[in-house]
Amino acid sequence: MSEIELTKDETDRIVSKIKDYFSNELDQEIGGFDAEFLIDFFSKELGCYFYNRGLSDAHTLFSEKSEEISYLVQELEKPTI
């Protein structure tokens, strides 16, 4: 898995959410620079868990849909005598 680069807009949105969280939930102020460090930390240390969960969910969905398609194809079979 390659490291994901966030766009400036994505980073700004996440920084804003982190700052809001610290302010509203923890009653603390955090600067944008510190919030960006948190983003880097969480993406490096926890990102693989979310990535792997996403892959697992995609695999499960793919398996379910493949099985469904298999049944649909079987229903198309013509009877033989």
PDB file of N, CA and C in Angstrom:
ATOM      1  N   MET A   1       0.857  -1.170   0.000  1.00  0.00           N
ATOM      2  CA  MET A   1       0.000   0.000   0.000  1.00  0.00           C
ATOM      3  C   MET A   1       0.894   1.221   0.000  1.00  0.00           C
ATOM      4  N   SER A   2       0.684   2.106  -0.937  1.00  0.00           N
ATOM      5  CA  SER A   2       1.474   3.329  -0.980  1.00  0.00           C
ATOM      6  C   SER A   2       0.865   4.359  -0.041  1.00  0.00           C
ATOM      7  N   GLU A   3       1.706   5.288   0.376  1.00  0.00           N
ATOM      8  CA  GLU A   3       1.237   6.330   1.280  1.00  0.00           C
ATOM      9  C   GLU A   3       0.270   7.255   0.535  1.00  0.00           C
ATOM     10  N   ILE A   4      -0.815   7.582   1.185  1.00  0.00           N
ATOM     11  CA  ILE A   4      -1.835   8.417   0.565  1.00  0.00           C
ATOM     12  C   ILE A   4      -1.507   9.888   0.799  1.00  0.00           C
ATOM     13  N   GLU A   5      -1.541  10.640  -0.252  1.00  0.00           N
ATOM     14  CA  GLU A   5      -1.327  12.082  -0.160  1.00  0.00           C
ATOM     15  C   GLU A   5      -2.681  12.772  -0.213  1.00  0.00           C
ATOM     16  N   LEU A   6      -2.988  13.537   0.817  1.00  0.00           N
ATOM     17  CA  LEU A   6      -4.237  14.288   0.839  1.00  0.00           C
ATOM     18  C   LEU A   6      -4.053  15.606   0.090  1.00  0.00           C
ATOM     19  N   THR A   7      -5.108  16.051  -0.546  1.00  0.00           N
ATOM     20  CA  THR A   7      -5.050  17.353  -1.202  1.00  0.00           C
ATOM     21  C   THR A   7      -5.076  18.439  -0.131  1.00  0.00           C
ATOM     22  N   LYS A   8      -4.737  19.644  -0.519  1.00  0.00           N
ATOM     23  CA  LYS A   8      -4.760  20.781   0.407  1.00  0.00           C
ATOM     24  C   LYS A   8      -6.164  20.964   0.967  1.00  0.00           C
ATOM     25  N   ASP A   9      -7.170  20.843   0.114  1.00  0.00           N
ATOM     26  CA  ASP A   9      -8.557  20.997   0.542  1.00  0.00           C
ATOM     27  C   ASP A   9      -8.950  19.918   1.549  1.00  0.00           C
ATOM     28  N   GLU A  10      -8.571  18.667   1.284  1.00  0.00           N
ATOM     29  CA  GLU A  10      -8.876  17.577   2.208  1.00  0.00           C
ATOM     30  C   GLU A  10      -8.196  17.805   3.555  1.00  0.00           C
ATOM     31  N   THR A  11      -6.918  18.189   3.507  1.00  0.00           N
ATOM     32  CA  THR A  11      -6.177  18.463   4.740  1.00  0.00           C
ATOM     33  C   THR A  11      -6.832  19.585   5.526  1.00  0.00           C
ATOM     34  N   ASP A  12      -7.203  20.653   4.834  1.00  0.00           N
ATOM     35  CA  ASP A  12      -7.853  21.791   5.506  1.00  0.00           C
ATOM     36  C   ASP A  12      -9.161  21.372   6.171  1.00  0.00           C
ATOM     37  N   ARG A  13      -9.936  20.541   5.500  1.00  0.00           N
ATOM     38  CA  ARG A  13     -11.205  20.075   6.072  1.00  0.00           C
ATOM     39  C   ARG A  13     -10.975  19.226   7.322  1.00  0.00           C
ATOM     40  N   ILE A  14     -10.000  18.331   7.248  1.00  0.00           N
ATOM     41  CA  ILE A  14      -9.714  17.468   8.388  1.00  0.00           C
ATOM     42  C   ILE A  14      -9.156  18.280   9.547  1.00  0.00           C
ATOM     43  N   VAL A  15      -8.266  19.223   9.254  1.00  0.00           N
ATOM     44  CA  VAL A  15      -7.717  20.100  10.300  1.00  0.00           C
ATOM     45  C   VAL A  15      -8.848  20.836  10.998  1.00  0.00           C
ATOM     46  N   SER A  16      -9.786  21.338  10.231  1.00  0.00           N
ATOM     47  CA  SER A  16     -10.932  22.045  10.808  1.00  0.00           C
ATOM     48  C   SER A  16     -11.734  21.129  11.727  1.00  0.00           C
ATOM     49  N   LYS A  17     -11.949  19.897  11.305  1.00  0.00           N
ATOM     50  CA  LYS A  17     -12.699  18.940  12.126  1.00  0.00           C
ATOM     51  C   LYS A  17     -11.952  18.612  13.420  1.00  0.00           C
ATOM     52  N   ILE A  18     -10.641  18.459  13.331  1.00  0.00           N
ATOM     53  CA  ILE A  18      -9.836  18.182  14.525  1.00  0.00           C
ATOM     54  C   ILE A  18      -9.882  19.362  15.484  1.00  0.00           C
ATOM     55  N   LYS A  19      -9.734  20.549  14.944  1.00  0.00           N
ATOM     56  CA  LYS A  19      -9.787  21.748  15.797  1.00  0.00           C
ATOM     57  C   LYS A  19     -11.143  21.876  16.475  1.00  0.00           C
ATOM     58  N   ASP A  20     -12.214  21.629  15.729  1.00  0.00           N
ATOM     59  CA  ASP A  20     -13.565  21.674  16.308  1.00  0.00           C
ATOM     60  C   ASP A  20     -13.728  20.625  17.401  1.00  0.00           C
ATOM     61  N   TYR A  21     -13.225  19.425  17.148  1.00  0.00           N
ATOM     62  CA  TYR A  21     -13.335  18.346  18.130  1.00  0.00           C
ATOM     63  C   TYR A  21     -12.609  18.728  19.419  1.00  0.00           C
ATOM     64  N   PHE A  22     -11.390  19.187  19.297  1.00  0.00           N
ATOM     65  CA  PHE A  22     -10.624  19.568  20.484  1.00  0.00           C
ATOM     66  C   PHE A  22     -11.338  20.674  21.253  1.00  0.00           C
ATOM     67  N   SER A  23     -11.871  21.624  20.535  1.00  0.00           N
ATOM     68  CA  SER A  23     -12.556  22.746  21.171  1.00  0.00           C
ATOM     69  C   SER A  23     -13.849  22.312  21.845  1.00  0.00           C
ATOM     70  N   ASN A  24     -14.679  21.569  21.128  1.00  0.00           N
ATOM     71  CA  ASN A  24     -16.013  21.211  21.628  1.00  0.00           C
ATOM     72  C   ASN A  24     -16.004  20.058  22.631  1.00  0.00           C
ATOM     73  N   GLU A  25     -15.177  19.061  22.383  1.00  0.00           N
ATOM     74  CA  GLU A  25     -15.206  17.853  23.211  1.00  0.00           C
ATOM     75  C   GLU A  25     -14.180  17.864  24.337  1.00  0.00           C
ATOM     76  N   LEU A  26     -13.033  18.475  24.085  1.00  0.00           N
ATOM     77  CA  LEU A  26     -11.955  18.445  25.073  1.00  0.00           C
ATOM     78  C   LEU A  26     -11.725  19.794  25.743  1.00  0.00           C
ATOM     79  N   ASP A  27     -12.442  20.794  25.264  1.00  0.00           N
ATOM     80  CA  ASP A  27     -12.309  22.154  25.793  1.00  0.00           C
ATOM     81  C   ASP A  27     -10.861  22.638  25.742  1.00  0.00           C
ATOM     82  N   GLN A  28     -10.182  22.307  24.635  1.00  0.00           N
ATOM     83  CA  GLN A  28      -8.798  22.709  24.411  1.00  0.00           C
ATOM     84  C   GLN A  28      -8.672  23.287  23.009  1.00  0.00           C
ATOM     85  N   GLU A  29      -7.722  24.155  22.868  1.00  0.00           N
ATOM     86  CA  GLU A  29      -7.435  24.712  21.552  1.00  0.00           C
ATOM     87  C   GLU A  29      -6.224  23.984  20.971  1.00  0.00           C
ATOM     88  N   ILE A  30      -6.272  23.729  19.690  1.00  0.00           N
ATOM     89  CA  ILE A  30      -5.143  23.098  18.995  1.00  0.00           C
ATOM     90  C   ILE A  30      -4.917  23.885  17.718  1.00  0.00           C
ATOM     91  N   GLY A  31      -3.668  24.106  17.411  1.00  0.00           N
ATOM     92  CA  GLY A  31      -3.334  24.845  16.202  1.00  0.00           C
ATOM     93  C   GLY A  31      -3.383  23.963  14.975  1.00  0.00           C
ATOM     94  N   GLY A  32      -3.425  24.602  13.834  1.00  0.00           N
ATOM     95  CA  GLY A  32      -3.480  23.875  12.573  1.00  0.00           C
ATOM     96  C   GLY A  32      -2.261  22.995  12.350  1.00  0.00           C
ATOM     97  N   PHE A  33      -1.096  23.495  12.758  1.00  0.00           N
ATOM     98  CA  PHE A  33       0.141  22.738  12.587  1.00  0.00           C
ATOM     99  C   PHE A  33       0.097  21.450  13.403  1.00  0.00           C
ATOM    100  N   ASP A  34      -0.341  21.560  14.658  1.00  0.00           N
ATOM    101  CA  ASP A  34      -0.464  20.374  15.515  1.00  0.00           C
ATOM    102  C   ASP A  34      -1.518  19.407  14.982  1.00  0.00           C
ATOM    103  N   ALA A  35      -2.597  19.941  14.458  1.00  0.00           N
ATOM    104  CA  ALA A  35      -3.656  19.096  13.890  1.00  0.00           C
ATOM    105  C   ALA A  35      -3.113  18.309  12.694  1.00  0.00           C
ATOM    106  N   GLU A  36      -2.264  18.943  11.888  1.00  0.00           N
ATOM    107  CA  GLU A  36      -1.672  18.241  10.748  1.00  0.00           C
ATOM    108  C   GLU A  36      -0.753  17.119  11.214  1.00  0.00           C
ATOM    109  N   PHE A  37      -0.037  17.340  12.314  1.00  0.00           N
ATOM    110  CA  PHE A  37       0.788  16.274  12.872  1.00  0.00           C
ATOM    111  C   PHE A  37      -0.074  15.101  13.325  1.00  0.00           C
ATOM    112  N   LEU A  38      -1.238  15.399  13.909  1.00  0.00           N
ATOM    113  CA  LEU A  38      -2.157  14.331  14.305  1.00  0.00           C
ATOM    114  C   LEU A  38      -2.642  13.552  13.089  1.00  0.00           C
ATOM    115  N   ILE A  39      -2.953  14.253  12.019  1.00  0.00           N
ATOM    116  CA  ILE A  39      -3.382  13.596  10.783  1.00  0.00           C
ATOM    117  C   ILE A  39      -2.289  12.640  10.316  1.00  0.00           C
ATOM    118  N   ASP A  40      -1.048  13.116  10.289  1.00  0.00           N
ATOM    119  CA  ASP A  40       0.071  12.267   9.859  1.00  0.00           C
ATOM    120  C   ASP A  40       0.217  11.054  10.769  1.00  0.00           C
ATOM    121  N   PHE A  41       0.130  11.279  12.073  1.00  0.00           N
ATOM    122  CA  PHE A  41       0.269  10.181  13.027  1.00  0.00           C
ATOM    123  C   PHE A  41      -0.821   9.139  12.813  1.00  0.00           C
ATOM    124  N   PHE A  42      -2.088   9.601  12.774  1.00  0.00           N
ATOM    125  CA  PHE A  42      -3.191   8.655  12.622  1.00  0.00           C
ATOM    126  C   PHE A  42      -3.130   7.926  11.283  1.00  0.00           C
ATOM    127  N   SER A  43      -2.761   8.623  10.224  1.00  0.00           N
ATOM    128  CA  SER A  43      -2.719   7.954   8.923  1.00  0.00           C
ATOM    129  C   SER A  43      -1.611   6.910   8.883  1.00  0.00           C
ATOM    130  N   LYS A  44      -0.468   7.193   9.500  1.00  0.00           N
ATOM    131  CA  LYS A  44       0.639   6.232   9.497  1.00  0.00           C
ATOM    132  C   LYS A  44       0.393   5.078  10.457  1.00  0.00           C
ATOM    133  N   GLU A  45      -0.143   5.365  11.633  1.00  0.00           N
ATOM    134  CA  GLU A  45      -0.293   4.336  12.662  1.00  0.00           C
ATOM    135  C   GLU A  45      -1.616   3.574  12.573  1.00  0.00           C
ATOM    136  N   LEU A  46      -2.679   4.213  12.111  1.00  0.00           N
ATOM    137  CA  LEU A  46      -3.993   3.584  12.094  1.00  0.00           C
ATOM    138  C   LEU A  46      -4.555   3.373  10.698  1.00  0.00           C
ATOM    139  N   GLY A  47      -4.006   4.069   9.735  1.00  0.00           N
ATOM    140  CA  GLY A  47      -4.534   4.011   8.374  1.00  0.00           C
ATOM    141  C   GLY A  47      -4.609   2.606   7.818  1.00  0.00           C
ATOM    142  N   CYS A  48      -3.613   1.768   8.137  1.00  0.00           N
ATOM    143  CA  CYS A  48      -3.606   0.404   7.602  1.00  0.00           C
ATOM    144  C   CYS A  48      -4.798  -0.403   8.104  1.00  0.00           C
ATOM    145  N   TYR A  49      -5.264  -0.128   9.320  1.00  0.00           N
ATOM    146  CA  TYR A  49      -6.427  -0.851   9.844  1.00  0.00           C
ATOM    147  C   TYR A  49      -7.689  -0.506   9.047  1.00  0.00           C
ATOM    148  N   PHE A  50      -7.861   0.781   8.758  1.00  0.00           N
ATOM    149  CA  PHE A  50      -9.018   1.212   7.971  1.00  0.00           C
ATOM    150  C   PHE A  50      -8.906   0.710   6.530  1.00  0.00           C
ATOM    151  N   TYR A  51      -7.687   0.755   6.007  1.00  0.00           N
ATOM    152  CA  TYR A  51      -7.445   0.262   4.652  1.00  0.00           C
ATOM    153  C   TYR A  51      -7.785  -1.221   4.551  1.00  0.00           C
ATOM    154  N   ASN A  52      -7.269  -1.998   5.505  1.00  0.00           N
ATOM    155  CA  ASN A  52      -7.529  -3.435   5.495  1.00  0.00           C
ATOM    156  C   ASN A  52      -9.006  -3.745   5.695  1.00  0.00           C
ATOM    157  N   ARG A  53      -9.686  -2.984   6.534  1.00  0.00           N
ATOM    158  CA  ARG A  53     -11.124  -3.183   6.727  1.00  0.00           C
ATOM    159  C   ARG A  53     -11.865  -2.890   5.427  1.00  0.00           C
ATOM    160  N   GLY A  54     -11.451  -1.847   4.730  1.00  0.00           N
ATOM    161  CA  GLY A  54     -12.067  -1.525   3.445  1.00  0.00           C
ATOM    162  C   GLY A  54     -11.871  -2.642   2.437  1.00  0.00           C
ATOM    163  N   LEU A  55     -10.664  -3.208   2.401  1.00  0.00           N
ATOM    164  CA  LEU A  55     -10.411  -4.339   1.505  1.00  0.00           C
ATOM    165  C   LEU A  55     -11.265  -5.535   1.879  1.00  0.00           C
ATOM    166  N   SER A  56     -11.365  -5.799   3.175  1.00  0.00           N
ATOM    167  CA  SER A  56     -12.176  -6.919   3.638  1.00  0.00           C
ATOM    168  C   SER A  56     -13.642  -6.721   3.260  1.00  0.00           C
ATOM    169  N   ASP A  57     -14.149  -5.512   3.463  1.00  0.00           N
ATOM    170  CA  ASP A  57     -15.539  -5.214   3.092  1.00  0.00           C
ATOM    171  C   ASP A  57     -15.752  -5.368   1.589  1.00  0.00           C
ATOM    172  N   ALA A  58     -14.775  -4.892   0.797  1.00  0.00           N
ATOM    173  CA  ALA A  58     -14.883  -5.009  -0.659  1.00  0.00           C
ATOM    174  C   ALA A  58     -14.861  -6.477  -1.076  1.00  0.00           C
ATOM    175  N   HIS A  59     -13.999  -7.270  -0.431  1.00  0.00           N
ATOM    176  CA  HIS A  59     -13.917  -8.702  -0.748  1.00  0.00           C
ATOM    177  C   HIS A  59     -15.229  -9.401  -0.420  1.00  0.00           C
ATOM    178  N   THR A  60     -15.794  -9.081   0.741  1.00  0.00           N
ATOM    179  CA  THR A  60     -17.071  -9.682   1.134  1.00  0.00           C
ATOM    180  C   THR A  60     -18.162  -9.330   0.127  1.00  0.00           C
ATOM    181  N   LEU A  61     -18.243  -8.064  -0.244  1.00  0.00           N
ATOM    182  CA  LEU A  61     -19.247  -7.621  -1.203  1.00  0.00           C
ATOM    183  C   LEU A  61     -19.047  -8.301  -2.553  1.00  0.00           C
ATOM    184  N   PHE A  62     -17.789  -8.375  -2.986  1.00  0.00           N
ATOM    185  CA  PHE A  62     -17.494  -9.024  -4.265  1.00  0.00           C
ATOM    186  C   PHE A  62     -17.922 -10.489  -4.228  1.00  0.00           C
ATOM    187  N   SER A  63     -17.613 -11.168  -3.127  1.00  0.00           N
ATOM    188  CA  SER A  63     -17.993 -12.582  -2.996  1.00  0.00           C
ATOM    189  C   SER A  63     -19.508 -12.751  -3.029  1.00  0.00           C
ATOM    190  N   GLU A  64     -20.227 -11.895  -2.310  1.00  0.00           N
ATOM    191  CA  GLU A  64     -21.688 -11.976  -2.295  1.00  0.00           C
ATOM    192  C   GLU A  64     -22.263 -11.740  -3.680  1.00  0.00           C
ATOM    193  N   LYS A  65     -21.758 -10.733  -4.367  1.00  0.00           N
ATOM    194  CA  LYS A  65     -22.280 -10.418  -5.699  1.00  0.00           C
ATOM    195  C   LYS A  65     -21.907 -11.498  -6.706  1.00  0.00           C
ATOM    196  N   SER A  66     -20.712 -12.080  -6.571  1.00  0.00           N
ATOM    197  CA  SER A  66     -20.310 -13.164  -7.464  1.00  0.00           C
ATOM    198  C   SER A  66     -21.234 -14.359  -7.299  1.00  0.00           C
ATOM    199  N   GLU A  67     -21.555 -14.679  -6.058  1.00  0.00           N
ATOM    200  CA  GLU A  67     -22.467 -15.792  -5.803  1.00  0.00           C
ATOM    201  C   GLU A  67     -23.851 -15.491  -6.381  1.00  0.00           C
ATOM    202  N   GLU A  68     -24.294 -14.262  -6.226  1.00  0.00           N
ATOM    203  CA  GLU A  68     -25.595 -13.858  -6.764  1.00  0.00           C
ATOM    204  C   GLU A  68     -25.609 -13.978  -8.287  1.00  0.00           C
ATOM    205  N   ILE A  69     -24.542 -13.551  -8.924  1.00  0.00           N
ATOM    206  CA  ILE A  69     -24.449 -13.641 -10.386  1.00  0.00           C
ATOM    207  C   ILE A  69     -24.440 -15.101 -10.818  1.00  0.00           C
ATOM    208  N   SER A  70     -23.756 -15.939 -10.055  1.00  0.00           N
ATOM    209  CA  SER A  70     -23.714 -17.364 -10.377  1.00  0.00           C
ATOM    210  C   SER A  70     -25.121 -17.957 -10.402  1.00  0.00           C
ATOM    211  N   TYR A  71     -25.926 -17.602  -9.405  1.00  0.00           N
ATOM    212  CA  TYR A  71     -27.306 -18.086  -9.372  1.00  0.00           C
ATOM    213  C   TYR A  71     -28.109 -17.537 -10.546  1.00  0.00           C
ATOM    214  N   LEU A  72     -27.901 -16.281 -10.877  1.00  0.00           N
ATOM    215  CA  LEU A  72     -28.632 -15.687 -12.002  1.00  0.00           C
ATOM    216  C   LEU A  72     -28.269 -16.366 -13.316  1.00  0.00           C
ATOM    217  N   VAL A  73     -26.992 -16.711 -13.472  1.00  0.00           N
ATOM    218  CA  VAL A  73     -26.563 -17.406 -14.688  1.00  0.00           C
ATOM    219  C   VAL A  73     -27.198 -18.794 -14.734  1.00  0.00           C
ATOM    220  N   GLN A  74     -27.248 -19.479 -13.605  1.00  0.00           N
ATOM    221  CA  GLN A  74     -27.869 -20.815 -13.571  1.00  0.00           C
ATOM    222  C   GLN A  74     -29.343 -20.739 -13.956  1.00  0.00           C
ATOM    223  N   GLU A  75     -30.006 -19.672 -13.571  1.00  0.00           N
ATOM    224  CA  GLU A  75     -31.421 -19.510 -13.903  1.00  0.00           C
ATOM    225  C   GLU A  75     -31.621 -19.330 -15.409  1.00  0.00           C
ATOM    226  N   LEU A  76     -30.590 -18.911 -16.114  1.00  0.00           N
ATOM    227  CA  LEU A  76     -30.689 -18.707 -17.565  1.00  0.00           C
ATOM    228  C   LEU A  76     -30.564 -20.010 -18.341  1.00  0.00           C
ATOM    229  N   GLU A  77     -30.079 -21.028 -17.670  1.00  0.00           N
ATOM    230  CA  GLU A  77     -29.912 -22.315 -18.368  1.00  0.00           C
ATOM    231  C   GLU A  77     -31.244 -22.826 -18.903  1.00  0.00           C
ATOM    232  N   LYS A  78     -31.169 -23.377 -20.094  1.00  0.00           N
ATOM    233  CA  LYS A  78     -32.338 -23.988 -20.737  1.00  0.00           C
ATOM    234  C   LYS A  78     -32.438 -25.447 -20.323  1.00  0.00           C
ATOM    235  N   PRO A  79     -33.659 -25.934 -20.156  1.00  0.00           N
ATOM    236  CA  PRO A  79     -33.801 -27.347 -19.807  1.00  0.00           C
ATOM    237  C   PRO A  79     -33.347 -28.240 -20.930  1.00  0.00           C
ATOM    238  N   THR A  80     -32.760 -29.344 -20.559  1.00  0.00           N
ATOM    239  CA  THR A  80     -32.338 -30.315 -21.567  1.00  0.00           C
ATOM    240  C   THR A  80     -33.185 -31.580 -21.412  1.00  0.00           C
ATOM    241  N   ILE A  81     -33.350 -32.244 -22.518  1.00  0.00           N
ATOM    242  CA  ILE A  81     -34.161 -33.458 -22.515  1.00  0.00           C
ATOM    243  C   ILE A  81     -33.301 -34.673 -22.548  1.00  0.00           C
TER     244      ILE A  81
END
